[in-house]
PDB file of N, CA and C in Angstrom:
ATOM      1  N   MET A   1     -56.365 -21.902  33.573  1.00  0.00           N
ATOM      2  CA  MET A   1     -54.974 -21.953  33.192  1.00  0.00           C
ATOM      3  C   MET A   1     -54.113 -21.709  34.433  1.00  0.00           C
ATOM      4  N   LEU A   2     -53.095 -22.514  34.578  1.00  0.00           N
ATOM      5  CA  LEU A   2     -52.193 -22.431  35.715  1.00  0.00           C
ATOM      6  C   LEU A   2     -51.112 -21.396  35.451  1.00  0.00           C
ATOM      7  N   ASN A   3     -50.936 -20.461  36.383  1.00  0.00           N
ATOM      8  CA  ASN A   3     -49.923 -19.418  36.264  1.00  0.00           C
ATOM      9  C   ASN A   3     -49.081 -19.392  37.530  1.00  0.00           C
ATOM     10  N   ARG A   4     -47.787 -19.181  37.362  1.00  0.00           N
ATOM     11  CA  ARG A   4     -46.887 -19.089  38.511  1.00  0.00           C
ATOM     12  C   ARG A   4     -47.226 -17.844  39.321  1.00  0.00           C
ATOM     13  N   TYR A   5     -47.228 -17.969  40.636  1.00  0.00           N
ATOM     14  CA  TYR A   5     -47.510 -16.862  41.548  1.00  0.00           C
ATOM     15  C   TYR A   5     -46.484 -15.751  41.364  1.00  0.00           C
ATOM     16  N   LYS A   6     -46.978 -14.522  41.398  1.00  0.00           N
ATOM     17  CA  LYS A   6     -46.120 -13.331  41.378  1.00  0.00           C
ATOM     18  C   LYS A   6     -46.542 -12.439  42.541  1.00  0.00           C
ATOM     19  N   LYS A   7     -45.599 -11.690  43.062  1.00  0.00           N
ATOM     20  CA  LYS A   7     -45.804 -10.841  44.238  1.00  0.00           C
ATOM     21  C   LYS A   7     -47.035  -9.940  44.099  1.00  0.00           C
ATOM     22  N   ASN A   8     -47.318  -9.447  42.895  1.00  0.00           N
ATOM     23  CA  ASN A   8     -48.461  -8.544  42.724  1.00  0.00           C
ATOM     24  C   ASN A   8     -49.811  -9.254  42.901  1.00  0.00           C
ATOM     25  N   SER A   9     -49.780 -10.571  43.049  1.00  0.00           N
ATOM     26  CA  SER A   9     -51.005 -11.343  43.300  1.00  0.00           C
ATOM     27  C   SER A   9     -51.098 -11.804  44.751  1.00  0.00           C
ATOM     28  N   GLU A  10     -50.327 -11.180  45.630  1.00  0.00           N
ATOM     29  CA  GLU A  10     -50.246 -11.620  47.017  1.00  0.00           C
ATOM     30  C   GLU A  10     -51.609 -11.654  47.704  1.00  0.00           C
ATOM     31  N   LYS A  11     -52.388 -10.601  47.581  1.00  0.00           N
ATOM     32  CA  LYS A  11     -53.680 -10.536  48.269  1.00  0.00           C
ATOM     33  C   LYS A  11     -54.647 -11.592  47.737  1.00  0.00           C
ATOM     34  N   ILE A  12     -54.623 -11.807  46.444  1.00  0.00           N
ATOM     35  CA  ILE A  12     -55.485 -12.830  45.845  1.00  0.00           C
ATOM     36  C   ILE A  12     -55.076 -14.205  46.358  1.00  0.00           C
ATOM     37  N   ALA A  13     -53.774 -14.476  46.364  1.00  0.00           N
ATOM     38  CA  ALA A  13     -53.278 -15.774  46.848  1.00  0.00           C
ATOM     39  C   ALA A  13     -53.627 -15.976  48.317  1.00  0.00           C
ATOM     40  N   MET A  14     -53.443 -14.941  49.128  1.00  0.00           N
ATOM     41  CA  MET A  14     -53.773 -15.050  50.546  1.00  0.00           C
ATOM     42  C   MET A  14     -55.261 -15.309  50.732  1.00  0.00           C
ATOM     43  N   GLY A  15     -56.081 -14.630  49.949  1.00  0.00           N
ATOM     44  CA  GLY A  15     -57.522 -14.844  50.028  1.00  0.00           C
ATOM     45  C   GLY A  15     -57.899 -16.277  49.699  1.00  0.00           C
ATOM     46  N   LEU A  16     -57.307 -16.824  48.657  1.00  0.00           N
ATOM     47  CA  LEU A  16     -57.603 -18.202  48.277  1.00  0.00           C
ATOM     48  C   LEU A  16     -57.103 -19.190  49.330  1.00  0.00           C
ATOM     49  N   LEU A  17     -55.884 -18.985  49.827  1.00  0.00           N
ATOM     50  CA  LEU A  17     -55.346 -19.890  50.845  1.00  0.00           C
ATOM     51  C   LEU A  17     -56.116 -19.791  52.157  1.00  0.00           C
ATOM     52  N   SER A  18     -56.769 -18.650  52.390  1.00  0.00           N
ATOM     53  CA  SER A  18     -57.541 -18.494  53.627  1.00  0.00           C
ATOM     54  C   SER A  18     -58.780 -19.396  53.653  1.00  0.00           C
ATOM     55  N   PHE A  19     -59.181 -19.931  52.497  1.00  0.00           N
ATOM     56  CA  PHE A  19     -60.314 -20.855  52.454  1.00  0.00           C
ATOM     57  C   PHE A  19     -59.947 -22.229  53.007  1.00  0.00           C
ATOM     58  N   MET A  20     -58.649 -22.501  53.131  1.00  0.00           N
ATOM     59  CA  MET A  20     -58.208 -23.788  53.687  1.00  0.00           C
ATOM     60  C   MET A  20     -58.355 -23.749  55.205  1.00  0.00           C
ATOM     61  N   PRO A  21     -58.593 -24.882  55.833  1.00  0.00           N
ATOM     62  CA  PRO A  21     -58.776 -24.904  57.294  1.00  0.00           C
ATOM     63  C   PRO A  21     -57.630 -24.251  58.067  1.00  0.00           C
ATOM     64  N   GLU A  22     -56.388 -24.503  57.653  1.00  0.00           N
ATOM     65  CA  GLU A  22     -55.255 -23.919  58.370  1.00  0.00           C
ATOM     66  C   GLU A  22     -54.957 -22.482  57.922  1.00  0.00           C
ATOM     67  N   GLY A  23     -55.753 -21.950  57.000  1.00  0.00           N
ATOM     68  CA  GLY A  23     -55.513 -20.619  56.460  1.00  0.00           C
ATOM     69  C   GLY A  23     -56.240 -19.502  57.181  1.00  0.00           C
ATOM     70  N   LYS A  24     -56.878 -19.792  58.288  1.00  0.00           N
ATOM     71  CA  LYS A  24     -57.660 -18.770  58.991  1.00  0.00           C
ATOM     72  C   LYS A  24     -56.793 -17.779  59.770  1.00  0.00           C
ATOM     73  N   ASP A  25     -55.605 -18.190  60.181  1.00  0.00           N
ATOM     74  CA  ASP A  25     -54.716 -17.345  60.958  1.00  0.00           C
ATOM     75  C   ASP A  25     -53.877 -16.457  60.025  1.00  0.00           C
ATOM     76  N   VAL A  26     -54.018 -15.150  60.164  1.00  0.00           N
ATOM     77  CA  VAL A  26     -53.337 -14.201  59.275  1.00  0.00           C
ATOM     78  C   VAL A  26     -51.816 -14.334  59.366  1.00  0.00           C
ATOM     79  N   LYS A  27     -51.287 -14.520  60.572  1.00  0.00           N
ATOM     80  CA  LYS A  27     -49.836 -14.680  60.718  1.00  0.00           C
ATOM     81  C   LYS A  27     -49.349 -15.917  59.966  1.00  0.00           C
ATOM     82  N   ASN A  28     -50.106 -16.991  60.070  1.00  0.00           N
ATOM     83  CA  ASN A  28     -49.759 -18.216  59.362  1.00  0.00           C
ATOM     84  C   ASN A  28     -49.809 -17.998  57.849  1.00  0.00           C
ATOM     85  N   LEU A  29     -50.828 -17.297  57.382  1.00  0.00           N
ATOM     86  CA  LEU A  29     -50.949 -16.991  55.951  1.00  0.00           C
ATOM     87  C   LEU A  29     -49.770 -16.164  55.457  1.00  0.00           C
ATOM     88  N   LEU A  30     -49.410 -15.137  56.215  1.00  0.00           N
ATOM     89  CA  LEU A  30     -48.276 -14.295  55.827  1.00  0.00           C
ATOM     90  C   LEU A  30     -46.988 -15.103  55.768  1.00  0.00           C
ATOM     91  N   HIS A  31     -46.811 -15.984  56.747  1.00  0.00           N
ATOM     92  CA  HIS A  31     -45.621 -16.840  56.767  1.00  0.00           C
ATOM     93  C   HIS A  31     -45.604 -17.768  55.548  1.00  0.00           C
ATOM     94  N   THR A  32     -46.746 -18.342  55.224  1.00  0.00           N
ATOM     95  CA  THR A  32     -46.851 -19.253  54.081  1.00  0.00           C
ATOM     96  C   THR A  32     -46.527 -18.536  52.776  1.00  0.00           C
ATOM     97  N   ILE A  33     -47.116 -17.370  52.574  1.00  0.00           N
ATOM     98  CA  ILE A  33     -46.848 -16.598  51.354  1.00  0.00           C
ATOM     99  C   ILE A  33     -45.373 -16.224  51.278  1.00  0.00           C
ATOM    100  N   LYS A  34     -44.792 -15.790  52.392  1.00  0.00           N
ATOM    101  CA  LYS A  34     -43.370 -15.435  52.429  1.00  0.00           C
ATOM    102  C   LYS A  34     -42.507 -16.634  52.042  1.00  0.00           C
ATOM    103  N   GLU A  35     -42.885 -17.806  52.529  1.00  0.00           N
ATOM    104  CA  GLU A  35     -42.136 -19.026  52.198  1.00  0.00           C
ATOM    105  C   GLU A  35     -42.195 -19.300  50.693  1.00  0.00           C
ATOM    106  N   TYR A  36     -43.371 -19.117  50.085  1.00  0.00           N
ATOM    107  CA  TYR A  36     -43.496 -19.318  48.641  1.00  0.00           C
ATOM    108  C   TYR A  36     -42.666 -18.285  47.867  1.00  0.00           C
ATOM    109  N   GLU A  37     -42.531 -17.106  48.415  1.00  0.00           N
ATOM    110  CA  GLU A  37     -41.769 -16.050  47.730  1.00  0.00           C
ATOM    111  C   GLU A  37     -40.255 -16.239  47.861  1.00  0.00           C
ATOM    112  N   THR A  38     -39.800 -16.827  48.952  1.00  0.00           N
ATOM    113  CA  THR A  38     -38.364 -16.858  49.218  1.00  0.00           C
ATOM    114  C   THR A  38     -37.721 -18.240  49.121  1.00  0.00           C
ATOM    115  N   ASN A  39     -38.472 -19.297  49.342  1.00  0.00           N
ATOM    116  CA  ASN A  39     -37.899 -20.640  49.343  1.00  0.00           C
ATOM    117  C   ASN A  39     -37.906 -21.201  47.919  1.00  0.00           C
ATOM    118  N   PRO A  40     -36.745 -21.520  47.368  1.00  0.00           N
ATOM    119  CA  PRO A  40     -36.691 -22.025  45.985  1.00  0.00           C
ATOM    120  C   PRO A  40     -37.345 -23.392  45.802  1.00  0.00           C
ATOM    121  N   ASP A  41     -37.634 -24.091  46.905  1.00  0.00           N
ATOM    122  CA  ASP A  41     -38.274 -25.401  46.813  1.00  0.00           C
ATOM    123  C   ASP A  41     -39.793 -25.343  46.965  1.00  0.00           C
ATOM    124  N   TRP A  42     -40.329 -24.149  47.192  1.00  0.00           N
ATOM    125  CA  TRP A  42     -41.775 -23.969  47.322  1.00  0.00           C
ATOM    126  C   TRP A  42     -42.276 -23.222  46.080  1.00  0.00           C
ATOM    127  N   HIS A  43     -43.303 -23.760  45.447  1.00  0.00           N
ATOM    128  CA  HIS A  43     -43.839 -23.178  44.213  1.00  0.00           C
ATOM    129  C   HIS A  43     -45.355 -23.022  44.338  1.00  0.00           C
ATOM    130  N   LEU A  44     -45.835 -21.812  44.142  1.00  0.00           N
ATOM    131  CA  LEU A  44     -47.261 -21.527  44.220  1.00  0.00           C
ATOM    132  C   LEU A  44     -47.770 -21.150  42.833  1.00  0.00           C
ATOM    133  N   TYR A  45     -48.905 -21.717  42.482  1.00  0.00           N
ATOM    134  CA  TYR A  45     -49.541 -21.445  41.193  1.00  0.00           C
ATOM    135  C   TYR A  45     -50.974 -20.988  41.435  1.00  0.00           C
ATOM    136  N   LEU A  46     -51.420 -20.097  40.577  1.00  0.00           N
ATOM    137  CA  LEU A  46     -52.798 -19.605  40.635  1.00  0.00           C
ATOM    138  C   LEU A  46     -53.528 -20.083  39.385  1.00  0.00           C
ATOM    139  N   TRP A  47     -54.781 -20.459  39.559  1.00  0.00           N
ATOM    140  CA  TRP A  47     -55.608 -20.921  38.443  1.00  0.00           C
ATOM    141  C   TRP A  47     -56.483 -19.768  37.995  1.00  0.00           C
ATOM    142  N   LYS A  48     -56.303 -19.391  36.740  1.00  0.00           N
ATOM    143  CA  LYS A  48     -57.054 -18.278  36.185  1.00  0.00           C
ATOM    144  C   LYS A  48     -58.066 -18.827  35.179  1.00  0.00           C
ATOM    145  N   GLN A  49     -59.295 -18.375  35.337  1.00  0.00           N
ATOM    146  CA  GLN A  49     -60.363 -18.747  34.419  1.00  0.00           C
ATOM    147  C   GLN A  49     -60.976 -17.461  33.907  1.00  0.00           C
ATOM    148  N   GLU A  50     -60.900 -17.273  32.612  1.00  0.00           N
ATOM    149  CA  GLU A  50     -61.268 -16.002  31.992  1.00  0.00           C
ATOM    150  C   GLU A  50     -60.422 -14.914  32.641  1.00  0.00           C
ATOM    151  N   ASP A  51     -61.000 -13.931  33.300  1.00  0.00           N
ATOM    152  CA  ASP A  51     -60.196 -12.873  33.920  1.00  0.00           C
ATOM    153  C   ASP A  51     -60.106 -12.997  35.431  1.00  0.00           C
ATOM    154  N   ASP A  52     -60.611 -14.090  35.984  1.00  0.00           N
ATOM    155  CA  ASP A  52     -60.637 -14.262  37.435  1.00  0.00           C
ATOM    156  C   ASP A  52     -59.659 -15.330  37.893  1.00  0.00           C
ATOM    157  N   VAL A  53     -58.980 -15.058  39.000  1.00  0.00           N
ATOM    158  CA  VAL A  53     -58.158 -16.069  39.649  1.00  0.00           C
ATOM    159  C   VAL A  53     -59.076 -16.782  40.635  1.00  0.00           C
ATOM    160  N   ILE A  54     -59.264 -18.077  40.427  1.00  0.00           N
ATOM    161  CA  ILE A  54     -60.258 -18.802  41.226  1.00  0.00           C
ATOM    162  C   ILE A  54     -59.671 -19.962  42.028  1.00  0.00           C
ATOM    163  N   GLY A  55     -58.373 -20.218  41.876  1.00  0.00           N
ATOM    164  CA  GLY A  55     -57.784 -21.329  42.602  1.00  0.00           C
ATOM    165  C   GLY A  55     -56.308 -21.110  42.849  1.00  0.00           C
ATOM    166  N   ALA A  56     -55.787 -21.846  43.826  1.00  0.00           N
ATOM    167  CA  ALA A  56     -54.362 -21.806  44.144  1.00  0.00           C
ATOM    168  C   ALA A  56     -53.911 -23.210  44.496  1.00  0.00           C
ATOM    169  N   ILE A  57     -52.696 -23.538  44.102  1.00  0.00           N
ATOM    170  CA  ILE A  57     -52.114 -24.837  44.437  1.00  0.00           C
ATOM    171  C   ILE A  57     -50.633 -24.636  44.711  1.00  0.00           C
ATOM    172  N   GLY A  58     -50.179 -25.192  45.812  1.00  0.00           N
ATOM    173  CA  GLY A  58     -48.796 -25.028  46.227  1.00  0.00           C
ATOM    174  C   GLY A  58     -48.077 -26.359  46.296  1.00  0.00           C
ATOM    175  N   VAL A  59     -46.834 -26.349  45.809  1.00  0.00           N
ATOM    176  CA  VAL A  59     -46.022 -27.555  45.729  1.00  0.00           C
ATOM    177  C   VAL A  59     -44.694 -27.311  46.438  1.00  0.00           C
ATOM    178  N   ARG A  60     -44.254 -28.319  47.186  1.00  0.00           N
ATOM    179  CA  ARG A  60     -42.940 -28.262  47.838  1.00  0.00           C
ATOM    180  C   ARG A  60     -42.099 -29.392  47.272  1.00  0.00           C
ATOM    181  N   ILE A  61     -40.905 -29.051  46.818  1.00  0.00           N
ATOM    182  CA  ILE A  61     -39.982 -30.053  46.311  1.00  0.00           C
ATOM    183  C   ILE A  61     -39.171 -30.586  47.490  1.00  0.00           C
ATOM    184  N   ASP A  62     -39.150 -31.906  47.622  1.00  0.00           N
ATOM    185  CA  ASP A  62     -38.408 -32.555  48.698  1.00  0.00           C
ATOM    186  C   ASP A  62     -37.725 -33.783  48.102  1.00  0.00           C
ATOM    187  N   GLY A  63     -36.450 -33.630  47.769  1.00  0.00           N
ATOM    188  CA  GLY A  63     -35.715 -34.727  47.135  1.00  0.00           C
ATOM    189  C   GLY A  63     -36.289 -35.041  45.772  1.00  0.00           C
ATOM    190  N   ASP A  64     -36.768 -36.281  45.613  1.00  0.00           N
ATOM    191  CA  ASP A  64     -37.333 -36.687  44.323  1.00  0.00           C
ATOM    192  C   ASP A  64     -38.860 -36.579  44.302  1.00  0.00           C
ATOM    193  N   GLN A  65     -39.406 -35.852  45.281  1.00  0.00           N
ATOM    194  CA  GLN A  65     -40.860 -35.712  45.359  1.00  0.00           C
ATOM    195  C   GLN A  65     -41.306 -34.267  45.174  1.00  0.00           C
ATOM    196  N   ALA A  66     -42.426 -34.098  44.504  1.00  0.00           N
ATOM    197  CA  ALA A  66     -43.133 -32.819  44.423  1.00  0.00           C
ATOM    198  C   ALA A  66     -44.416 -33.034  45.217  1.00  0.00           C
ATOM    199  N   ILE A  67     -44.487 -32.393  46.376  1.00  0.00           N
ATOM    200  CA  ILE A  67     -45.585 -32.641  47.303  1.00  0.00           C
ATOM    201  C   ILE A  67     -46.576 -31.479  47.256  1.00  0.00           C
ATOM    202  N   ILE A  68     -47.796 -31.775  46.872  1.00  0.00           N
ATOM    203  CA  ILE A  68     -48.843 -30.751  46.885  1.00  0.00           C
ATOM    204  C   ILE A  68     -49.220 -30.534  48.346  1.00  0.00           C
ATOM    205  N   GLN A  69     -49.007 -29.300  48.808  1.00  0.00           N
ATOM    206  CA  GLN A  69     -49.266 -29.025  50.218  1.00  0.00           C
ATOM    207  C   GLN A  69     -50.412 -28.060  50.438  1.00  0.00           C
ATOM    208  N   HIS A  70     -50.808 -27.346  49.424  1.00  0.00           N
ATOM    209  CA  HIS A  70     -51.951 -26.442  49.515  1.00  0.00           C
ATOM    210  C   HIS A  70     -52.761 -26.556  48.232  1.00  0.00           C
ATOM    211  N   ILE A  71     -54.061 -26.596  48.380  1.00  0.00           N
ATOM    212  CA  ILE A  71     -54.949 -26.507  47.225  1.00  0.00           C
ATOM    213  C   ILE A  71     -56.241 -25.854  47.707  1.00  0.00           C
ATOM    214  N   SER A  72     -56.671 -24.857  46.963  1.00  0.00           N
ATOM    215  CA  SER A  72     -57.860 -24.120  47.357  1.00  0.00           C
ATOM    216  C   SER A  72     -58.559 -23.577  46.120  1.00  0.00           C
ATOM    217  N   VAL A  73     -59.869 -23.645  46.155  1.00  0.00           N
ATOM    218  CA  VAL A  73     -60.699 -23.111  45.067  1.00  0.00           C
ATOM    219  C   VAL A  73     -61.720 -22.178  45.681  1.00  0.00           C
ATOM    220  N   ASN A  74     -61.942 -21.051  45.039  1.00  0.00           N
ATOM    221  CA  ASN A  74     -62.964 -20.115  45.480  1.00  0.00           C
ATOM    222  C   ASN A  74     -64.280 -20.881  45.650  1.00  0.00           C
ATOM    223  N   PRO A  75     -64.953 -20.712  46.789  1.00  0.00           N
ATOM    224  CA  PRO A  75     -66.181 -21.483  47.049  1.00  0.00           C
ATOM    225  C   PRO A  75     -67.235 -21.396  45.944  1.00  0.00           C
ATOM    226  N   SER A  76     -67.332 -20.281  45.248  1.00  0.00           N
ATOM    227  CA  SER A  76     -68.343 -20.162  44.193  1.00  0.00           C
ATOM    228  C   SER A  76     -67.976 -20.949  42.931  1.00  0.00           C
ATOM    229  N   HIS A  77     -66.761 -21.517  42.893  1.00  0.00           N
ATOM    230  CA  HIS A  77     -66.323 -22.310  41.740  1.00  0.00           C
ATOM    231  C   HIS A  77     -66.025 -23.758  42.115  1.00  0.00           C
ATOM    232  N   ARG A  78     -66.426 -24.166  43.295  1.00  0.00           N
ATOM    233  CA  ARG A  78     -66.180 -25.539  43.728  1.00  0.00           C
ATOM    234  C   ARG A  78     -67.146 -26.502  43.048  1.00  0.00           C
ATOM    235  N   ASN A  79     -66.748 -27.751  43.022  1.00  0.00           N
ATOM    236  CA  ASN A  79     -67.532 -28.822  42.393  1.00  0.00           C
ATOM    237  C   ASN A  79     -67.707 -28.619  40.892  1.00  0.00           C
ATOM    238  N   CYS A  80     -66.737 -27.935  40.291  1.00  0.00           N
ATOM    239  CA  CYS A  80     -66.740 -27.721  38.840  1.00  0.00           C
ATOM    240  C   CYS A  80     -65.503 -28.326  38.183  1.00  0.00           C
ATOM    241  N   GLY A  81     -64.698 -29.048  38.956  1.00  0.00           N
ATOM    242  CA  GLY A  81     -63.510 -29.696  38.402  1.00  0.00           C
ATOM    243  C   GLY A  81     -62.241 -28.859  38.410  1.00  0.00           C
ATOM    244  N   VAL A  82     -62.273 -27.686  39.051  1.00  0.00           N
ATOM    245  CA  VAL A  82     -61.091 -26.808  39.057  1.00  0.00           C
ATOM    246  C   VAL A  82     -59.936 -27.459  39.814  1.00  0.00           C
ATOM    247  N   GLY A  83     -60.206 -28.004  40.990  1.00  0.00           N
ATOM    248  CA  GLY A  83     -59.159 -28.659  41.766  1.00  0.00           C
ATOM    249  C   GLY A  83     -58.535 -29.816  41.010  1.00  0.00           C
ATOM    250  N   LYS A  84     -59.368 -30.598  40.381  1.00  0.00           N
ATOM    251  CA  LYS A  84     -58.884 -31.738  39.591  1.00  0.00           C
ATOM    252  C   LYS A  84     -58.007 -31.270  38.439  1.00  0.00           C
ATOM    253  N   ARG A  85     -58.411 -30.192  37.768  1.00  0.00           N
ATOM    254  CA  ARG A  85     -57.613 -29.663  36.654  1.00  0.00           C
ATOM    255  C   ARG A  85     -56.279 -29.115  37.151  1.00  0.00           C
ATOM    256  N   MET A  86     -56.280 -28.466  38.331  1.00  0.00           N
ATOM    257  CA  MET A  86     -55.018 -27.957  38.884  1.00  0.00           C
ATOM    258  C   MET A  86     -54.074 -29.116  39.191  1.00  0.00           C
ATOM    259  N   ILE A  87     -54.591 -30.170  39.789  1.00  0.00           N
ATOM    260  CA  ILE A  87     -53.748 -31.334  40.096  1.00  0.00           C
ATOM    261  C   ILE A  87     -53.212 -31.957  38.813  1.00  0.00           C
ATOM    262  N   LYS A  88     -54.040 -32.054  37.802  1.00  0.00           N
ATOM    263  CA  LYS A  88     -53.594 -32.613  36.526  1.00  0.00           C
ATOM    264  C   LYS A  88     -52.466 -31.769  35.929  1.00  0.00           C
ATOM    265  N   GLU A  89     -52.602 -30.459  35.971  1.00  0.00           N
ATOM    266  CA  GLU A  89     -51.551 -29.579  35.441  1.00  0.00           C
ATOM    267  C   GLU A  89     -50.259 -29.694  36.241  1.00  0.00           C
ATOM    268  N   ILE A  90     -50.368 -29.785  37.557  1.00  0.00           N
ATOM    269  CA  ILE A  90     -49.172 -29.961  38.387  1.00  0.00           C
ATOM    270  C   ILE A  90     -48.489 -31.283  38.044  1.00  0.00           C
ATOM    271  N   ARG A  91     -49.268 -32.319  37.877  1.00  0.00           N
ATOM    272  CA  ARG A  91     -48.690 -33.612  37.495  1.00  0.00           C
ATOM    273  C   ARG A  91     -48.012 -33.507  36.137  1.00  0.00           C
ATOM    274  N   ASN A  92     -48.606 -32.787  35.198  1.00  0.00           N
ATOM    275  CA  ASN A  92     -47.974 -32.609  33.887  1.00  0.00           C
ATOM    276  C   ASN A  92     -46.658 -31.837  34.002  1.00  0.00           C
ATOM    277  N   LEU A  93     -46.620 -30.843  34.896  1.00  0.00           N
ATOM    278  CA  LEU A  93     -45.404 -30.038  35.071  1.00  0.00           C
ATOM    279  C   LEU A  93     -44.278 -30.806  35.754  1.00  0.00           C
ATOM    280  N   TYR A  94     -44.621 -31.608  36.757  1.00  0.00           N
ATOM    281  CA  TYR A  94     -43.601 -32.195  37.624  1.00  0.00           C
ATOM    282  C   TYR A  94     -43.368 -33.687  37.433  1.00  0.00           C
ATOM    283  N   ASP A  95     -44.300 -34.390  36.819  1.00  0.00           N
ATOM    284  CA  ASP A  95     -44.251 -35.849  36.772  1.00  0.00           C
ATOM    285  C   ASP A  95     -43.017 -36.427  36.090  1.00  0.00           C
ATOM    286  N   THR A  96     -42.419 -35.714  35.172  1.00  0.00           N
ATOM    287  CA  THR A  96     -41.259 -36.272  34.468  1.00  0.00           C
ATOM    288  C   THR A  96     -39.998 -36.268  35.338  1.00  0.00           C
ATOM    289  N   LYS A  97     -39.945 -35.372  36.311  1.00  0.00           N
ATOM    290  CA  LYS A  97     -38.750 -35.251  37.145  1.00  0.00           C
ATOM    291  C   LYS A  97     -38.972 -35.685  38.592  1.00  0.00           C
ATOM    292  N   TYR A  98     -40.208 -35.631  39.061  1.00  0.00           N
ATOM    293  CA  TYR A  98     -40.514 -35.912  40.460  1.00  0.00           C
ATOM    294  C   TYR A  98     -41.699 -36.864  40.580  1.00  0.00           C
ATOM    295  N   LYS A  99     -41.769 -37.523  41.713  1.00  0.00           N
ATOM    296  CA  LYS A  99     -42.958 -38.300  42.061  1.00  0.00           C
ATOM    297  C   LYS A  99     -43.919 -37.317  42.727  1.00  0.00           C
ATOM    298  N   VAL A 100     -45.063 -37.099  42.138  1.00  0.00           N
ATOM    299  CA  VAL A 100     -46.034 -36.137  42.661  1.00  0.00           C
ATOM    300  C   VAL A 100     -46.912 -36.830  43.695  1.00  0.00           C
ATOM    301  N   SER A 101     -47.019 -36.190  44.860  1.00  0.00           N
ATOM    302  CA  SER A 101     -47.854 -36.710  45.937  1.00  0.00           C
ATOM    303  C   SER A 101     -48.510 -35.524  46.644  1.00  0.00           C
ATOM    304  N   ALA A 102     -49.156 -35.802  47.765  1.00  0.00           N
ATOM    305  CA  ALA A 102     -49.850 -34.746  48.506  1.00  0.00           C
ATOM    306  C   ALA A 102     -49.664 -34.966  50.008  1.00  0.00           C
ATOM    307  N   VAL A 103     -49.777 -33.877  50.759  1.00  0.00           N
ATOM    308  CA  VAL A 103     -49.720 -33.975  52.219  1.00  0.00           C
ATOM    309  C   VAL A 103     -50.949 -34.733  52.708  1.00  0.00           C
ATOM    310  N   ASP A 104     -50.864 -35.231  53.933  1.00  0.00           N
ATOM    311  CA  ASP A 104     -51.938 -36.058  54.488  1.00  0.00           C
ATOM    312  C   ASP A 104     -53.310 -35.388  54.436  1.00  0.00           C
ATOM    313  N   SER A 105     -53.357 -34.092  54.712  1.00  0.00           N
ATOM    314  CA  SER A 105     -54.652 -33.409  54.796  1.00  0.00           C
ATOM    315  C   SER A 105     -55.403 -33.359  53.469  1.00  0.00           C
ATOM    316  N   ILE A 106     -54.699 -33.503  52.356  1.00  0.00           N
ATOM    317  CA  ILE A 106     -55.381 -33.500  51.054  1.00  0.00           C
ATOM    318  C   ILE A 106     -55.142 -34.795  50.271  1.00  0.00           C
ATOM    319  N   GLN A 107     -54.527 -35.773  50.913  1.00  0.00           N
ATOM    320  CA  GLN A 107     -54.195 -37.031  50.244  1.00  0.00           C
ATOM    321  C   GLN A 107     -55.428 -37.733  49.672  1.00  0.00           C
ATOM    322  N   GLN A 108     -56.505 -37.787  50.422  1.00  0.00           N
ATOM    323  CA  GLN A 108     -57.712 -38.473  49.955  1.00  0.00           C
ATOM    324  C   GLN A 108     -58.271 -37.785  48.701  1.00  0.00           C
ATOM    325  N   TYR A 109     -58.315 -36.463  48.710  1.00  0.00           N
ATOM    326  CA  TYR A 109     -58.795 -35.710  47.543  1.00  0.00           C
ATOM    327  C   TYR A 109     -57.861 -35.929  46.355  1.00  0.00           C
ATOM    328  N   PHE A 110     -56.555 -35.872  46.605  1.00  0.00           N
ATOM    329  CA  PHE A 110     -55.554 -36.076  45.553  1.00  0.00           C
ATOM    330  C   PHE A 110     -55.745 -37.447  44.901  1.00  0.00           C
ATOM    331  N   MET A 111     -55.894 -38.490  45.710  1.00  0.00           N
ATOM    332  CA  MET A 111     -56.061 -39.835  45.165  1.00  0.00           C
ATOM    333  C   MET A 111     -57.342 -39.956  44.337  1.00  0.00           C
ATOM    334  N   ARG A 112     -58.400 -39.326  44.810  1.00  0.00           N
ATOM    335  CA  ARG A 112     -59.654 -39.362  44.058  1.00  0.00           C
ATOM    336  C   ARG A 112     -59.484 -38.668  42.700  1.00  0.00           C
ATOM    337  N   CYS A 113     -58.765 -37.568  42.688  1.00  0.00           N
ATOM    338  CA  CYS A 113     -58.549 -36.836  41.432  1.00  0.00           C
ATOM    339  C   CYS A 113     -57.712 -37.620  40.449  1.00  0.00           C
ATOM    340  N   ILE A 114     -56.656 -38.269  40.922  1.00  0.00           N
ATOM    341  CA  ILE A 114     -55.801 -38.995  39.967  1.00  0.00           C
ATOM    342  C   ILE A 114     -56.436 -40.307  39.516  1.00  0.00           C
ATOM    343  N   GLN A 115     -57.328 -40.861  40.321  1.00  0.00           N
ATOM    344  CA  GLN A 115     -58.021 -42.081  39.901  1.00  0.00           C
ATOM    345  C   GLN A 115     -59.043 -41.776  38.819  1.00  0.00           C
ATOM    346  N   GLU A 116     -59.620 -40.579  38.861  1.00  0.00           N
ATOM    347  CA  GLU A 116     -60.615 -40.184  37.855  1.00  0.00           C
ATOM    348  C   GLU A 116     -59.952 -39.722  36.574  1.00  0.00           C
ATOM    349  N   ASP A 117     -58.654 -39.465  36.637  1.00  0.00           N
ATOM    350  CA  ASP A 117     -57.907 -38.927  35.494  1.00  0.00           C
ATOM    351  C   ASP A 117     -57.750 -39.921  34.375  1.00  0.00           C
TER     352      ASP A 117
END
């Protein structure tokens, strides 16, 4: 289930985003989380399965586009369809008002997910 990020989940969100290639730098991670907390055009969601948060997906609104810029799944839950389900939920949330797309680094994965949908 997709849930909007809240400040009390900061460490969990940072941990999940650290699994991304650009998430290894702590300063960069802190900056990214701060941007999600303060920028009204940046939206971070956490994927909760049972009682565990196992995924994160971040969206940036830019004009008429909702751009998925971060997506990460806990390695022990990969290849189980979590990323695909997160993308589907984001499309359900934003598709009526925005054109949903993805940044270049995840574009290939995004296209594969929406083609299988």
